[in-house]
Protein backbone atom coordinates (compact mmCIF):
# COMPACT_ATOMS: atom_id res chain seq x y z
CA MET A 1 74.60 -45.01 48.94
CA LYS A 2 75.46 -44.68 45.25
CA GLN A 3 78.65 -42.75 44.53
CA THR A 4 78.29 -39.70 42.26
CA GLN A 5 80.42 -39.28 39.15
CA ARG A 6 82.19 -36.34 40.81
CA GLU A 7 83.03 -38.50 43.81
CA LYS A 8 84.32 -41.24 41.49
CA ILE A 9 86.64 -38.74 39.79
CA ILE A 10 88.07 -37.44 43.07
CA ASP A 11 88.52 -40.97 44.43
CA TYR A 12 90.24 -42.06 41.20
CA ILE A 13 92.66 -39.13 41.32
CA ASN A 14 93.40 -39.79 45.01
CA GLU A 15 94.13 -43.45 44.26
CA ASN A 16 96.00 -43.01 40.95
CA GLY A 17 97.41 -39.47 41.06
CA SER A 18 95.67 -38.27 37.88
CA ILE A 19 92.89 -38.92 35.40
CA THR A 20 92.24 -38.34 31.69
CA SER A 21 88.92 -38.15 29.88
CA TYR A 22 89.69 -41.56 28.34
CA GLU A 23 90.24 -43.13 31.77
CA ALA A 24 87.06 -41.51 33.06
CA CYS A 25 85.08 -43.03 30.21
CA MET A 26 86.67 -46.47 30.07
CA ARG A 27 87.26 -47.13 33.77
CA LEU A 28 84.49 -45.12 35.43
CA GLY A 29 81.80 -44.96 32.74
CA ILE A 30 81.80 -41.13 32.75
CA THR A 31 81.16 -39.72 29.29
CA GLN A 32 80.67 -36.04 30.22
CA PHE A 33 84.05 -35.69 31.94
CA ALA A 34 84.57 -31.99 31.12
CA THR A 35 81.18 -31.16 32.65
CA ARG A 36 82.02 -33.06 35.84
CA VAL A 37 85.40 -31.25 36.09
CA SER A 38 83.63 -27.89 35.70
CA GLU A 39 81.20 -28.85 38.46
CA LEU A 40 84.08 -29.86 40.72
CA LYS A 41 85.77 -26.51 40.07
CA GLU A 42 82.53 -24.76 41.04
CA GLN A 43 82.60 -26.78 44.29
CA GLY A 44 86.07 -25.40 45.03
CA TYR A 45 88.40 -28.11 43.72
CA ASN A 46 91.55 -26.86 41.98
CA PHE A 47 93.22 -28.89 39.27
CA GLU A 48 96.63 -28.91 37.69
CA THR A 49 96.68 -30.07 34.09
CA GLU A 50 99.38 -31.41 31.85
CA TRP A 51 99.19 -31.91 28.09
CA ILE A 52 100.11 -35.45 27.09
CA LYS A 53 101.17 -36.47 23.59
CA GLY A 54 100.04 -39.88 22.42
CA LYS A 55 98.80 -41.78 19.39
CA ASN A 56 95.26 -42.84 18.57
CA ARG A 57 94.22 -46.21 17.14
CA ASP A 58 95.14 -45.01 13.64
CA ARG A 59 98.62 -44.10 14.91
CA HIS A 60 98.00 -40.36 14.46
CA VAL A 61 99.52 -38.03 17.02
CA VAL A 62 96.95 -36.67 19.48
CA TYR A 63 97.15 -34.45 22.56
CA PHE A 64 95.03 -34.76 25.67
CA LYS A 65 94.99 -33.39 29.18
CA LYS A 66 95.83 -35.21 32.37
CA TYR A 67 94.09 -33.78 35.45
CA MET A 68 95.59 -33.81 38.95
CA LEU A 69 94.36 -32.21 42.15
CA ALA A 70 96.34 -29.05 42.89
CA LYS A 71 98.23 -29.00 46.15
CA VAL A 72 96.83 -26.47 48.61
CA GLY A 73 99.98 -24.35 48.73
CA GLU A 74 100.20 -24.21 44.95
CA ALA A 75 96.51 -23.29 44.61
CA VAL A 76 96.97 -20.43 47.08
CA TRP A 77 100.11 -19.27 45.22
CA GLN A 78 98.17 -19.26 41.92
CA ILE A 79 95.45 -17.08 43.48
CA ILE A 80 98.00 -14.62 44.90
CA GLN A 81 99.77 -14.17 41.55
C-alpha cells in the first residue's frame, strides 16, 4: 500500500530525529509541509520545534524550524502547565 505524506513525515522523524520543510520537500517530495504538520497535530501528534539559523543560496541569513516529535512526558507536562 502507498505510504501517505503524513506517514512519510513520521517515519522520517523516527529515523532521523527531526525534519525541516526543506528536507520534506527535497527528500520526501512534500511541498505542503505545514499543512501535513497541522493534520498530524489534529491526529494527536505533538511536536517540539527549534529555530535554526542558516544561510540561503545567496548567503543571506535565514531562519527555519526543525520539527521533532515531543516525548510523551514532555507533552503531558506542557498540557498541565
